[in-house]
Amino acid sequence: MAADHLDDYIDAVSKALALPVEEAWRPAVRANLEVSLRLARLVDEFALPDETEPACVYTA
């Protein structure tokens, strides 16, 4: 996602959630979103075989 698309996304989500994002916060919000998207891409691109089973749920 290009920086201008990220800015558009930040604006749209901010408006949808009625959550104001001050101009001073925008670089940090954009940086966090870039990292989150990069990590999500790694997870999305990791191929799993069709027979992969979900892990058990452990509780302590």
C-alpha atoms as a PDB file:
ATOM      1  CA  MET A   1       0.000   0.000   0.000  1.00  0.00           C
ATOM      2  CA  ALA A   2       1.495   3.322  -1.024  1.00  0.00           C
ATOM      3  CA  ALA A   3       1.927   6.127   1.495  1.00  0.00           C
ATOM      4  CA  ASP A   4      -0.907   8.177  -0.021  1.00  0.00           C
ATOM      5  CA  HIS A   5      -3.198   5.142   0.201  1.00  0.00           C
ATOM      6  CA  LEU A   6      -2.191   4.722   3.831  1.00  0.00           C
ATOM      7  CA  ASP A   7      -3.034   8.355   4.503  1.00  0.00           C
ATOM      8  CA  ASP A   8      -6.425   7.867   2.835  1.00  0.00           C
ATOM      9  CA  TYR A   9      -6.975   4.722   4.907  1.00  0.00           C
ATOM     10  CA  ILE A  10      -6.018   6.507   8.133  1.00  0.00           C
ATOM     11  CA  ASP A  11      -8.440   9.314   7.289  1.00  0.00           C
ATOM     12  CA  ALA A  12     -11.280   6.902   6.474  1.00  0.00           C
ATOM     13  CA  VAL A  13     -10.830   4.741   9.573  1.00  0.00           C
ATOM     14  CA  SER A  14     -10.420   7.772  11.788  1.00  0.00           C
ATOM     15  CA  LYS A  15     -13.693   9.147  10.463  1.00  0.00           C
ATOM     16  CA  ALA A  16     -15.513   5.796  10.660  1.00  0.00           C
ATOM     17  CA  LEU A  17     -14.447   5.296  14.279  1.00  0.00           C
ATOM     18  CA  ALA A  18     -14.920   8.964  15.209  1.00  0.00           C
ATOM     19  CA  LEU A  19     -11.349   8.809  16.483  1.00  0.00           C
ATOM     20  CA  PRO A  20      -9.437  11.994  15.730  1.00  0.00           C
ATOM     21  CA  VAL A  21      -5.802  11.590  14.691  1.00  0.00           C
ATOM     22  CA  GLU A  22      -3.773  14.695  15.372  1.00  0.00           C
ATOM     23  CA  GLU A  23      -1.266  15.714  12.702  1.00  0.00           C
ATOM     24  CA  ALA A  24       1.593  15.133  15.148  1.00  0.00           C
ATOM     25  CA  TRP A  25       0.506  11.467  15.493  1.00  0.00           C
ATOM     26  CA  ARG A  26       0.125  10.733  11.781  1.00  0.00           C
ATOM     27  CA  PRO A  27       3.755   9.663  11.137  1.00  0.00           C
ATOM     28  CA  ALA A  28       3.641   7.213  14.050  1.00  0.00           C
ATOM     29  CA  VAL A  29       0.223   5.878  13.028  1.00  0.00           C
ATOM     30  CA  ARG A  30       1.454   5.446   9.437  1.00  0.00           C
ATOM     31  CA  ALA A  31       4.649   3.704  10.597  1.00  0.00           C
ATOM     32  CA  ASN A  32       2.680   1.313  12.818  1.00  0.00           C
ATOM     33  CA  LEU A  33       0.291   0.530   9.974  1.00  0.00           C
ATOM     34  CA  GLU A  34       3.196  -0.129   7.589  1.00  0.00           C
ATOM     35  CA  VAL A  35       4.755  -2.601  10.038  1.00  0.00           C
ATOM     36  CA  SER A  36       1.406  -4.290  10.701  1.00  0.00           C
ATOM     37  CA  LEU A  37       0.752  -4.702   6.977  1.00  0.00           C
ATOM     38  CA  ARG A  38       4.268  -6.041   6.358  1.00  0.00           C
ATOM     39  CA  LEU A  39       3.823  -8.658   9.110  1.00  0.00           C
ATOM     40  CA  ALA A  40       0.337  -9.557   7.877  1.00  0.00           C
ATOM     41  CA  ARG A  41       1.770 -10.081   4.376  1.00  0.00           C
ATOM     42  CA  LEU A  42       4.329 -12.556   5.780  1.00  0.00           C
ATOM     43  CA  VAL A  43       1.580 -14.553   7.491  1.00  0.00           C
ATOM     44  CA  ASP A  44      -0.656 -14.426   4.418  1.00  0.00           C
ATOM     45  CA  GLU A  45       2.122 -15.608   2.092  1.00  0.00           C
ATOM     46  CA  PHE A  46       3.091 -18.580   4.295  1.00  0.00           C
ATOM     47  CA  ALA A  47       1.722 -21.625   2.528  1.00  0.00           C
ATOM     48  CA  LEU A  48       0.078 -24.290   4.651  1.00  0.00           C
ATOM     49  CA  PRO A  49      -0.886 -27.721   3.349  1.00  0.00           C
ATOM     50  CA  ASP A  50      -4.622 -28.400   3.160  1.00  0.00           C
ATOM     51  CA  GLU A  51      -4.317 -31.144   5.797  1.00  0.00           C
ATOM     52  CA  THR A  52      -2.881 -28.755   8.411  1.00  0.00           C
ATOM     53  CA  GLU A  53      -4.822 -28.940  11.667  1.00  0.00           C
ATOM     54  CA  PRO A  54      -5.276 -26.022  14.075  1.00  0.00           C
ATOM     55  CA  ALA A  55      -3.261 -26.165  17.276  1.00  0.00           C
ATOM     56  CA  CYS A  56      -4.921 -27.264  20.479  1.00  0.00           C
ATOM     57  CA  VAL A  57      -6.002 -24.572  22.898  1.00  0.00           C
ATOM     58  CA  TYR A  58      -4.037 -24.669  26.132  1.00  0.00           C
ATOM     59  CA  THR A  59      -5.233 -23.008  29.300  1.00  0.00           C
ATOM     60  CA  ALA A  60      -3.293 -22.538  32.498  1.00  0.00           C
END
